[in-house]
């Protein structure tokens, strides 16, 4: 069997896994996923970068995710109405296929048995933090990380640079992984390779990512999306939980599934420590690398995951569950890659046993996730006030009532905005609300952080006024009754109700 056929087989099976993940989660998308889908629909249908009509915003954390979803949505318009959910299915399948392709290249480069590559895909696709945030960039993240690892293992700086540029377009904070893996890439087998690798990689990364960030900086007023300022302004939202302790919060929701999802990452952390110990021993004892497991790519993924976690603690953002997807999937892939490399180099029985154990954990996780119902009624990790189905019902009715009038969001905007297709406003959709948040952030920041914020918002119009709402949507716990009131249910919050109130 040729290498291309083997690679196509791994990518095809991975794509099938992505399709199954989409079918499992398609009716239970989180509110933030619908923010992304609304961006994509507006771009595909109206050519606008924002959540509401005729009001540009810059709160999309992942421009590449929005662009891919918008492309898919535009294609669906060739056959009828715009279908962002169908586009999401295509992007989910494509992202997992790309993940499988990268793992097939890792298997060829290191080398290790090709079936192990499927385990590298499975630890991602079955992760409950990933499945509970489908619609966001949670599958694009491990896909680009796997490509960075593959380019590192293959010593291909230009491919690394392209993957790095795409990683920055997926999430700008993935620069943490890019920096760590770039150091591994630069530690080439010869001095000439080390000198040439980084400039070539940097040039390719700039060529891929710079056009978007320059456009965003000038046209939208900030290169880094407003999401960072918005999220950092939400002090106390998760009290007493922080990003550092947030995994404990989610263990309280669906503890069995969440705990199973954490096991591959924990195994990856152990594998990372072991790999670092082996590399340190080689340096101290000056042991030649010949016949030793090639651990650089695995260590880069693992250290990147740890560094990312520490950076997020320092940023002081809340423990949104999708923020854990990058470090958890990176550590899980680190574990599979380190064990696979050890088995490929030495046929070590201990490494094989550990891989089998991880496969059993992944299979058990998948069974537990399917056991929650197909498709899911709500994500395994969930915190919204209403189910996606209830939000859709409320949003459609509010859209018919308010028409073109501006309505204030209750605090969760994504699903309501998607289904009401109305002018619903908060800081995510109305940039007139950003200047106040920005000034507060500047006042609380040190000199370096303030300078960076000033540069980021150099072209931003700080005199922009917020839109004036004529209606307000309110949420309260417990059932509701009366006109323009809708009772909803959430597996996380229980029964509550929304009411639409006219202002003034």
Protein backbone atom coordinates (compact mmCIF):
# COMPACT_ATOMS: atom_id res chain seq x y z
CA UNK A 1 0.00 0.00 0.00
CA UNK A 2 1.44 3.37 -1.04
CA UNK A 3 2.01 6.20 1.41
CA UNK A 4 -0.63 8.35 -0.29
CA UNK A 5 -3.24 5.62 0.03
CA UNK A 6 -2.42 5.13 3.71
CA UNK A 7 -2.65 8.86 4.33
CA UNK A 8 -5.97 9.07 2.49
CA UNK A 9 -7.27 6.19 4.58
CA UNK A 10 -6.38 7.89 7.87
CA UNK A 11 -7.84 11.21 6.68
CA UNK A 12 -11.01 9.46 5.51
CA UNK A 13 -11.58 7.64 8.80
CA UNK A 14 -10.90 10.89 10.64
CA UNK A 15 -13.44 12.71 8.48
CA UNK A 16 -15.99 10.03 9.35
CA UNK A 17 -15.26 10.61 13.04
CA UNK A 18 -15.85 14.32 12.50
CA UNK A 19 -19.17 13.61 10.79
CA UNK A 20 -20.28 11.46 13.73
CA UNK A 21 -19.24 14.19 16.17
CA UNK A 22 -21.32 16.71 14.24
CA UNK A 23 -24.37 14.44 14.13
CA UNK A 24 -24.06 13.91 17.89
CA UNK A 25 -23.87 17.63 18.74
CA UNK A 26 -25.65 19.51 15.95
CA UNK A 27 -28.83 20.24 17.95
CA UNK A 28 -27.07 21.25 21.17
CA UNK A 29 -24.65 23.99 20.12
CA UNK A 30 -23.61 26.51 22.75
CA UNK A 31 -24.53 30.18 22.66
CA UNK A 32 -21.01 31.24 21.65
CA UNK A 33 -21.10 28.80 18.74
CA UNK A 34 -24.12 30.66 17.42
CA UNK A 35 -22.19 33.93 17.63
CA UNK A 36 -19.71 32.43 15.17
CA UNK A 37 -22.49 31.06 12.95
CA UNK A 38 -24.19 34.48 12.89
CA UNK A 39 -20.91 36.12 11.83
CA UNK A 40 -20.56 33.53 9.06
CA UNK A 41 -24.12 34.00 7.79
CA UNK A 42 -23.85 37.79 7.75
CA UNK A 43 -20.58 37.59 5.84
CA UNK A 44 -21.94 35.05 3.34
CA UNK A 45 -25.30 36.77 2.79
CA UNK A 46 -24.63 40.49 3.36
CA UNK A 47 -20.86 40.78 3.05
CA UNK A 48 -20.70 42.25 6.58
CA UNK A 49 -18.31 41.38 9.43
CA UNK A 50 -20.58 41.44 12.45
CA UNK A 51 -23.51 39.95 14.32
CA UNK A 52 -26.29 42.40 13.46
CA UNK A 53 -27.18 44.06 10.13
CA UNK A 54 -25.39 47.28 9.18
CA UNK A 55 -23.17 47.32 12.28
CA UNK A 56 -19.62 46.02 11.90
CA UNK A 57 -18.13 44.43 15.00
CA UNK A 58 -14.87 42.65 15.76
CA UNK A 59 -15.69 40.09 18.43
CA UNK A 60 -14.99 36.92 16.42
CA UNK A 61 -12.10 35.20 18.19
CA UNK A 62 -11.34 32.92 15.24
CA UNK A 63 -11.35 34.71 11.89
CA UNK A 64 -10.39 31.53 10.03
CA UNK A 65 -13.34 29.65 11.52
CA UNK A 66 -15.71 32.44 10.47
CA UNK A 67 -14.21 32.59 6.97
CA UNK A 68 -14.48 28.83 6.46
CA UNK A 69 -18.06 28.76 7.76
CA UNK A 70 -18.94 31.74 5.57
CA UNK A 71 -17.49 29.99 2.53
CA UNK A 72 -19.53 26.89 3.29
CA UNK A 73 -22.65 28.99 3.86
CA UNK A 74 -22.12 30.81 0.55
CA UNK A 75 -21.92 27.45 -1.21
CA UNK A 76 -25.22 26.34 0.33
CA UNK A 77 -26.85 29.46 -1.13
CA UNK A 78 -26.27 27.99 -4.58
CA UNK A 79 -28.93 25.40 -3.72
CA UNK A 80 -31.43 27.57 -1.82
CA UNK A 81 -31.39 29.47 1.46
CA UNK A 82 -28.19 29.98 3.43
CA UNK A 83 -27.51 27.01 5.73
CA UNK A 84 -24.76 27.82 8.26
CA UNK A 85 -25.43 24.61 10.21
CA UNK A 86 -24.75 22.54 7.08
CA UNK A 87 -21.58 24.57 6.57
CA UNK A 88 -20.59 23.74 10.15
CA UNK A 89 -20.94 20.05 9.34
CA UNK A 90 -18.62 20.44 6.37
CA UNK A 91 -16.04 22.42 8.37
CA UNK A 92 -16.16 19.86 11.19
CA UNK A 93 -15.51 17.03 8.74
CA UNK A 94 -12.75 19.00 7.02
CA UNK A 95 -11.01 19.89 10.28
CA UNK A 96 -10.92 16.28 11.47
CA UNK A 97 -9.70 15.13 8.05
CA UNK A 98 -6.87 17.68 8.28
CA UNK A 99 -6.11 16.41 11.78
CA UNK A 100 -5.90 12.84 10.50
CA UNK A 101 -3.70 13.89 7.58
CA UNK A 102 -1.24 15.52 9.98
CA UNK A 103 -1.16 12.39 12.14
CA UNK A 104 -0.48 10.23 9.08
CA UNK A 105 2.52 12.43 8.31
CA UNK A 106 3.71 12.12 11.91
CA UNK A 107 3.46 8.34 11.64
CA UNK A 108 5.61 8.40 8.51
CA UNK A 109 8.17 10.86 9.86
CA UNK A 110 8.94 9.44 13.29
CA UNK A 111 7.97 6.56 12.42
CA UNK A 112 5.33 4.51 14.26
CA UNK A 113 2.49 2.16 13.26
CA UNK A 114 -0.14 3.97 11.23
CA UNK A 115 -3.16 2.78 13.27
CA UNK A 116 -1.78 4.69 16.27
CA UNK A 117 -2.45 7.86 14.29
CA UNK A 118 -6.17 7.17 14.67
CA UNK A 119 -5.73 7.22 18.43
CA UNK A 120 -4.20 10.69 18.08
CA UNK A 121 -7.40 11.76 16.32
CA UNK A 122 -9.67 9.93 18.75
CA UNK A 123 -8.31 11.63 21.89
CA UNK A 124 -9.40 14.91 20.30
CA UNK A 125 -12.76 13.95 18.79
CA UNK A 126 -14.03 12.24 21.95
CA UNK A 127 -12.88 14.99 24.31
CA UNK A 128 -16.02 16.38 26.03
CA UNK A 129 -14.56 19.89 26.13
CA UNK A 130 -14.29 19.73 22.34
CA UNK A 131 -17.69 18.14 21.71
CA UNK A 132 -19.36 20.63 24.06
CA UNK A 133 -18.06 23.53 21.96
CA UNK A 134 -18.56 22.32 18.38
CA UNK A 135 -19.20 25.40 16.25
CA UNK A 136 -16.28 27.21 17.81
CA UNK A 137 -12.70 26.61 16.63
CA UNK A 138 -12.12 23.63 18.95
CA UNK A 139 -11.37 21.20 16.10
CA UNK A 140 -9.36 23.64 14.02
CA UNK A 141 -7.05 24.20 17.01
CA UNK A 142 -5.79 20.58 17.34
CA UNK A 143 -5.65 20.30 13.55
CA UNK A 144 -3.19 23.18 13.19
CA UNK A 145 -1.26 22.02 16.27
CA UNK A 146 -0.86 18.57 14.74
CA UNK A 147 0.40 20.17 11.53
CA UNK A 148 2.90 22.23 13.49
CA UNK A 149 4.09 19.02 15.15
CA UNK A 150 4.29 17.21 11.80
CA UNK A 151 6.30 20.01 10.20
CA UNK A 152 8.60 19.99 13.23
CA UNK A 153 9.13 16.24 12.97
CA UNK A 154 9.74 16.48 9.22
CA UNK A 155 12.06 19.52 9.61
CA UNK A 156 10.10 21.47 7.00
CA UNK A 157 10.28 25.15 7.99
CA UNK A 158 8.07 26.49 5.20
CA UNK A 159 5.29 24.02 6.01
CA UNK A 160 5.76 24.96 9.67
CA UNK A 161 5.39 28.63 8.77
CA UNK A 162 2.20 28.06 6.80
CA UNK A 163 0.77 26.04 9.70
CA UNK A 164 1.87 28.76 12.12
CA UNK A 165 0.13 31.45 10.08
CA UNK A 166 -3.05 29.39 9.97
CA UNK A 167 -2.77 28.78 13.72
CA UNK A 168 -2.70 32.53 14.36
CA UNK A 169 -5.81 32.92 12.20
CA UNK A 170 -7.54 30.16 14.15
CA UNK A 171 -6.73 31.80 17.49
CA UNK A 172 -4.13 34.48 17.99
CA UNK A 173 -3.24 33.05 21.40
CA UNK A 174 -1.91 29.92 19.67
CA UNK A 175 1.24 31.99 19.24
CA UNK A 176 2.24 30.31 22.51
CA UNK A 177 2.38 26.92 20.75
CA UNK A 178 4.02 28.43 17.68
CA UNK A 179 6.83 29.89 19.79
CA UNK A 180 7.49 26.66 21.69
CA UNK A 181 7.45 24.42 18.63
CA UNK A 182 9.58 26.94 16.69
CA UNK A 183 12.29 26.50 19.30
CA UNK A 184 12.11 22.74 18.78
CA UNK A 185 12.28 23.22 15.01
CA UNK A 186 15.29 25.50 15.39
CA UNK A 187 17.12 22.82 17.35
CA UNK A 188 17.94 21.15 14.05
CA UNK A 189 20.55 18.49 13.41
CA UNK A 190 23.11 20.96 12.12
CA UNK A 191 24.04 24.61 12.57
CA UNK A 192 23.13 25.54 9.00
CA UNK A 193 19.67 24.03 9.46
CA UNK A 194 19.13 25.98 12.65
CA UNK A 195 20.11 29.25 10.96
CA UNK A 196 17.81 28.75 7.98
CA UNK A 197 14.77 27.23 9.69
CA UNK A 198 13.36 30.14 11.65
CA UNK A 199 13.60 32.88 8.96
CA UNK A 200 11.93 30.61 6.41
CA UNK A 201 9.20 29.66 8.87
CA UNK A 202 8.67 33.26 9.96
CA UNK A 203 8.41 34.48 6.38
CA UNK A 204 5.77 31.90 5.52
CA UNK A 205 3.80 32.66 8.70
CA UNK A 206 3.80 36.39 8.01
CA UNK A 207 2.70 35.82 4.40
CA UNK A 208 -0.29 33.76 5.58
CA UNK A 209 -1.43 35.73 8.64
CA UNK A 210 -0.37 39.36 8.10
CA UNK A 211 -2.97 40.28 5.43
CA UNK A 212 -5.85 39.51 7.78
CA UNK A 213 -4.41 41.19 10.86
CA UNK A 214 -3.43 44.35 8.98
CA UNK A 215 -6.91 44.50 7.45
CA UNK A 216 -8.55 43.97 10.83
CA UNK A 217 -6.31 46.58 12.48
CA UNK A 218 -7.10 49.27 9.93
CA UNK A 219 -10.63 48.43 8.76
CA UNK A 220 -12.13 47.18 12.03
CA UNK A 221 -10.03 49.23 14.43
CA UNK A 222 -8.16 46.41 16.18
CA UNK A 223 -5.91 43.56 15.14
CA UNK A 224 -6.74 41.57 18.27
CA UNK A 225 -10.52 41.06 18.52
CA UNK A 226 -12.56 42.88 21.16
CA UNK A 227 -13.22 39.53 22.82
CA UNK A 228 -10.12 39.87 25.02
CA UNK A 229 -11.26 43.19 26.48
CA UNK A 230 -14.83 41.90 26.86
CA UNK A 231 -13.82 38.71 28.64
CA UNK A 232 -11.36 40.49 30.91
CA UNK A 233 -14.15 42.86 31.97
CA UNK A 234 -16.23 39.98 33.33
CA UNK A 235 -14.63 39.88 36.78
CA UNK A 236 -16.67 37.87 39.23
CA UNK A 237 -18.84 36.17 36.61
CA UNK A 238 -17.68 32.71 37.68
CA UNK A 239 -16.89 33.43 41.34
CA UNK A 240 -15.37 31.67 43.17
CA UNK A 241 -14.01 29.78 40.15
CA UNK A 242 -11.08 30.99 38.05
CA UNK A 243 -9.34 29.59 35.00
CA UNK A 244 -6.82 27.94 37.32
CA UNK A 245 -9.55 26.07 39.22
CA UNK A 246 -12.25 25.87 36.55
CA UNK A 247 -11.79 22.19 35.76
CA UNK A 248 -13.21 21.51 39.22
CA UNK A 249 -16.34 23.43 38.24
CA UNK A 250 -16.93 21.19 35.23
CA UNK A 251 -16.29 18.00 37.16
CA UNK A 252 -19.46 18.91 39.05
CA UNK A 253 -21.63 18.94 35.90
CA UNK A 254 -21.22 15.52 34.26
CA UNK A 255 -18.37 14.20 36.35
CA UNK A 256 -17.99 10.77 34.71
CA UNK A 257 -17.71 12.07 31.15
CA UNK A 258 -15.55 15.05 32.15
CA UNK A 259 -13.23 12.89 34.24
CA UNK A 260 -12.82 10.39 31.40
CA UNK A 261 -12.06 13.28 29.06
CA UNK A 262 -9.28 14.49 31.35
CA UNK A 263 -7.49 11.13 31.52
CA UNK A 264 -5.69 11.40 28.12
CA UNK A 265 -4.42 14.88 29.04
CA UNK A 266 -3.23 13.61 32.42
CA UNK A 267 -1.45 10.74 30.67
CA UNK A 268 0.09 13.29 28.33
CA UNK A 269 1.39 15.30 31.28
CA UNK A 270 3.06 12.17 32.68
CA UNK A 271 4.51 11.36 29.25
CA UNK A 272 5.80 14.93 28.96
CA UNK A 273 7.65 14.65 32.27
CA UNK A 274 9.13 11.31 31.22
CA UNK A 275 10.18 12.69 27.83
CA UNK A 276 11.83 15.72 29.42
CA UNK A 277 13.69 13.40 31.78
CA UNK A 278 14.91 11.28 28.86
CA UNK A 279 16.05 14.33 26.91
CA UNK A 280 17.85 15.73 29.95
CA UNK A 281 19.61 12.41 30.48
CA UNK A 282 20.77 12.38 26.87
CA UNK A 283 22.27 15.84 27.24
CA UNK A 284 23.97 15.10 30.56
CA UNK A 285 25.35 11.74 29.45
CA UNK A 286 25.97 12.88 25.87
CA UNK A 287 24.10 9.87 24.56
CA UNK A 288 23.73 9.86 20.75
CA UNK A 289 20.18 10.15 19.38
CA UNK A 290 20.56 7.13 17.11
CA UNK A 291 18.08 4.45 18.12
CA UNK A 292 16.41 6.75 20.64
CA UNK A 293 12.75 7.84 20.38
CA UNK A 294 12.42 11.20 18.56
CA UNK A 295 10.58 13.21 21.20
CA UNK A 296 10.95 16.82 20.06
CA UNK A 297 7.49 17.25 18.50
CA UNK A 298 5.77 15.56 21.44
CA UNK A 299 7.64 17.70 23.96
CA UNK A 300 6.80 20.83 21.96
CA UNK A 301 3.08 20.01 22.04
CA UNK A 302 3.16 19.24 25.76
CA UNK A 303 5.17 22.28 26.79
CA UNK A 304 2.97 24.43 24.57
CA UNK A 305 -0.11 23.13 26.38
CA UNK A 306 1.39 23.87 29.80
CA UNK A 307 2.54 27.34 28.71
CA UNK A 308 -0.89 28.11 27.24
CA UNK A 309 -2.56 27.14 30.53
CA UNK A 310 -0.23 29.41 32.50
CA UNK A 311 -0.75 32.32 30.10
CA UNK A 312 -4.51 32.05 30.53
CA UNK A 313 -4.17 32.07 34.29
CA UNK A 314 -2.10 35.27 33.97
CA UNK A 315 -4.69 36.88 31.66
CA UNK A 316 -7.31 36.52 34.37
CA UNK A 317 -10.14 35.38 32.09
CA UNK A 318 -13.03 33.23 33.24
CA UNK A 319 -13.07 29.41 32.99
CA UNK A 320 -15.10 29.13 29.77
CA UNK A 321 -14.93 25.46 28.90
CA UNK A 322 -13.65 25.92 25.35
CA UNK A 323 -10.61 27.73 26.75
CA UNK A 324 -9.45 24.36 28.06
CA UNK A 325 -9.64 22.64 24.67
CA UNK A 326 -6.19 23.78 23.41
CA UNK A 327 -4.13 22.65 26.45
CA UNK A 328 -6.15 19.46 26.99
CA UNK A 329 -5.97 18.31 23.37
CA UNK A 330 -2.30 19.32 23.09
CA UNK A 331 -1.36 17.30 26.18
CA UNK A 332 -3.43 14.33 25.02
CA UNK A 333 -1.74 14.38 21.60
CA UNK A 334 1.62 14.79 23.35
CA UNK A 335 0.95 11.58 25.26
CA UNK A 336 -0.02 9.60 22.17
CA UNK A 337 2.91 10.97 20.17
CA UNK A 338 5.51 10.32 22.88
CA UNK A 339 4.29 6.76 23.46
CA UNK A 340 4.01 6.09 19.73
CA UNK A 341 7.56 7.36 19.18
CA UNK A 342 8.86 5.15 21.99
CA UNK A 343 7.11 2.11 20.56
CA UNK A 344 8.20 2.90 17.00
CA UNK A 345 11.87 3.25 18.00
CA UNK A 346 12.20 0.32 20.40
CA UNK A 347 8.96 -1.70 20.20
CA UNK A 348 8.73 -1.06 23.94
CA UNK A 349 5.99 -3.19 25.50
CA UNK A 350 5.32 -0.61 28.20
CA UNK A 351 4.60 2.03 25.55
CA UNK A 352 2.29 -0.36 23.71
CA UNK A 353 0.44 -1.19 26.92
CA UNK A 354 0.00 2.51 27.67
CA UNK A 355 -1.35 3.14 24.16
CA UNK A 356 -3.84 0.28 24.56
CA UNK A 357 -4.92 1.70 27.92
CA UNK A 358 -5.48 5.13 26.36
CA UNK A 359 -7.50 3.53 23.57
CA UNK A 360 -9.71 1.79 26.14
CA UNK A 361 -10.27 5.09 27.96
CA UNK A 362 -11.19 6.78 24.67
CA UNK A 363 -13.62 3.98 23.80
CA UNK A 364 -15.22 4.20 27.25
CA UNK A 365 -15.54 7.97 26.88
CA UNK A 366 -17.25 7.58 23.51
CA UNK A 367 -19.72 5.04 24.93
CA UNK A 368 -20.53 7.36 27.85
CA UNK A 369 -21.06 10.30 25.49
CA UNK A 370 -23.35 8.36 23.17
CA UNK A 371 -25.19 7.12 26.26
CA UNK A 372 -26.32 10.70 26.93
CA UNK A 373 -28.60 10.42 23.89
CA UNK A 374 -28.24 10.88 20.14
CA UNK A 375 -28.29 13.68 19.26
CA UNK A 376 -27.43 15.44 22.49
CA UNK A 377 -30.19 17.48 24.12
CA UNK A 378 -27.49 19.70 25.64
CA UNK A 379 -23.68 19.56 25.76
CA UNK A 380 -21.94 17.49 28.42
CA UNK A 381 -20.37 20.74 29.65
CA UNK A 382 -22.96 23.49 29.59
CA UNK A 383 -23.80 26.75 31.32
CA UNK A 384 -26.32 28.63 29.17
CA UNK A 385 -29.69 29.81 30.49
CA UNK A 386 -31.70 27.87 27.91
CA UNK A 387 -31.35 24.95 25.56
CA UNK A 388 -30.61 25.71 21.92
CA UNK A 389 -34.15 24.62 21.02
CA UNK A 390 -35.76 26.99 23.55
CA UNK A 391 -33.47 29.83 22.51
CA UNK A 392 -34.48 29.24 18.88
CA UNK A 393 -38.18 29.44 19.75
CA UNK A 394 -37.75 32.63 21.79
CA UNK A 395 -35.47 34.25 19.20
CA UNK A 396 -37.86 33.69 16.31
CA UNK A 397 -40.80 35.16 18.23
CA UNK A 398 -38.80 38.18 19.41
CA UNK A 399 -37.67 38.81 15.85
CA UNK A 400 -41.27 38.99 14.68
CA UNK A 401 -42.14 41.45 17.47
CA UNK A 402 -39.24 43.92 17.36
CA UNK A 403 -38.73 44.10 13.60
CA UNK A 404 -36.03 46.69 12.86
CA UNK A 405 -35.96 48.13 16.38
CA UNK A 406 -32.88 47.73 18.59
CA UNK A 407 -33.22 45.28 21.49
CA UNK A 408 -30.82 44.87 24.42
CA UNK A 409 -29.43 41.38 24.97
CA UNK A 410 -30.07 39.67 28.32
CA UNK A 411 -26.40 38.69 28.51
CA UNK A 412 -26.31 35.70 26.16
CA UNK A 413 -26.62 36.90 22.59
CA UNK A 414 -25.54 34.20 20.15
CA UNK A 415 -28.56 31.92 19.69
CA UNK A 416 -31.06 34.76 20.05
CA UNK A 417 -29.22 36.80 17.40
CA UNK A 418 -29.05 33.83 15.04
CA UNK A 419 -32.76 33.06 15.17
CA UNK A 420 -34.28 36.53 15.63
CA UNK A 421 -32.14 38.07 12.85
CA UNK A 422 -32.76 41.40 14.53
CA UNK A 423 -30.69 44.27 15.93
CA UNK A 424 -29.87 42.73 19.29
CA UNK A 425 -27.05 44.53 21.07
CA UNK A 426 -24.37 44.07 23.68
CA UNK A 427 -20.59 44.49 23.58
CA UNK A 428 -20.22 41.57 21.15
CA UNK A 429 -22.46 43.13 18.49
CA UNK A 430 -22.33 46.89 19.14
CA UNK A 431 -18.85 48.44 19.01
CA UNK A 432 -20.24 51.61 20.51
CA UNK A 433 -20.07 49.76 23.82
CA UNK A 434 -16.36 48.97 23.49
CA UNK A 435 -14.87 52.43 24.32
CA UNK A 436 -16.14 52.27 27.91
CA UNK A 437 -14.75 48.76 28.39
CA UNK A 438 -11.46 49.76 26.77
CA UNK A 439 -11.00 52.79 29.01
CA UNK A 440 -11.68 50.68 32.09
CA UNK A 441 -9.16 48.10 30.92
CA UNK A 442 -6.53 50.76 30.24
CA UNK A 443 -7.02 52.17 33.73
CA UNK A 444 -6.48 48.74 35.32
CA UNK A 445 -3.48 47.73 33.18
CA UNK A 446 0.22 48.29 33.71
CA UNK A 447 2.37 50.37 31.41
CA UNK A 448 3.29 47.52 29.05
CA UNK A 449 -0.26 46.16 28.74
CA UNK A 450 -1.63 49.69 28.27
CA UNK A 451 0.88 50.40 25.51
CA UNK A 452 -0.10 47.18 23.71
CA UNK A 453 -3.78 48.04 24.00
CA UNK A 454 -3.13 51.53 22.64
CA UNK A 455 -1.33 50.09 19.63
CA UNK A 456 -4.05 47.51 19.03
CA UNK A 457 -6.80 50.15 19.09
CA UNK A 458 -4.81 52.83 17.26
CA UNK A 459 -7.33 53.03 14.41
CA UNK A 460 -10.42 52.50 16.55
CA UNK A 461 -13.03 55.29 16.72
CA UNK A 462 -13.37 55.81 20.47
CA UNK A 463 -16.08 58.43 19.98
CA UNK A 464 -18.48 55.87 18.57
CA UNK A 465 -21.86 55.98 20.33
CA UNK A 466 -23.74 52.82 21.29
CA UNK A 467 -27.03 52.02 19.59
CA UNK A 468 -30.09 53.01 21.62
CA UNK A 469 -32.36 50.04 22.36
CA UNK A 470 -36.15 50.32 22.37
CA UNK A 471 -36.62 46.88 23.90
CA UNK A 472 -34.85 44.87 26.56
CA UNK A 473 -34.78 41.09 27.02
CA UNK A 474 -34.67 40.00 30.64
CA UNK A 475 -33.94 36.59 32.12
CA UNK A 476 -35.13 35.40 35.52
CA UNK A 477 -35.11 31.99 37.15
CA UNK A 478 -38.33 30.05 37.57
CA UNK A 479 -41.32 29.77 35.21
CA UNK A 480 -42.87 32.92 33.78
CA UNK A 481 -46.35 33.95 32.72
CA UNK A 482 -47.88 36.80 30.79
CA UNK A 483 -47.53 38.48 27.41
CA UNK A 484 -44.14 38.47 25.73
CA UNK A 485 -42.83 35.99 28.29
CA UNK A 486 -41.32 32.61 27.46
CA UNK A 487 -40.54 29.80 29.87
CA UNK A 488 -37.33 27.93 29.01
CA UNK A 489 -35.25 25.09 30.41
CA UNK A 490 -31.52 24.45 30.71
CA UNK A 491 -29.87 21.29 31.99
CA UNK A 492 -27.39 23.60 33.72
CA UNK A 493 -29.71 26.27 35.16
CA UNK A 494 -33.08 24.53 35.39
CA UNK A 495 -36.31 26.35 34.53
CA UNK A 496 -36.29 30.07 33.84
CA UNK A 497 -38.05 32.60 31.67
CA UNK A 498 -37.33 35.45 29.28
CA UNK A 499 -39.46 38.55 29.01
CA UNK A 500 -39.41 41.27 26.38
CA UNK A 501 -39.88 44.73 27.87
CA UNK A 502 -40.27 48.01 26.02
CA UNK A 503 -37.90 50.73 27.24
CA UNK A 504 -39.37 54.15 27.97
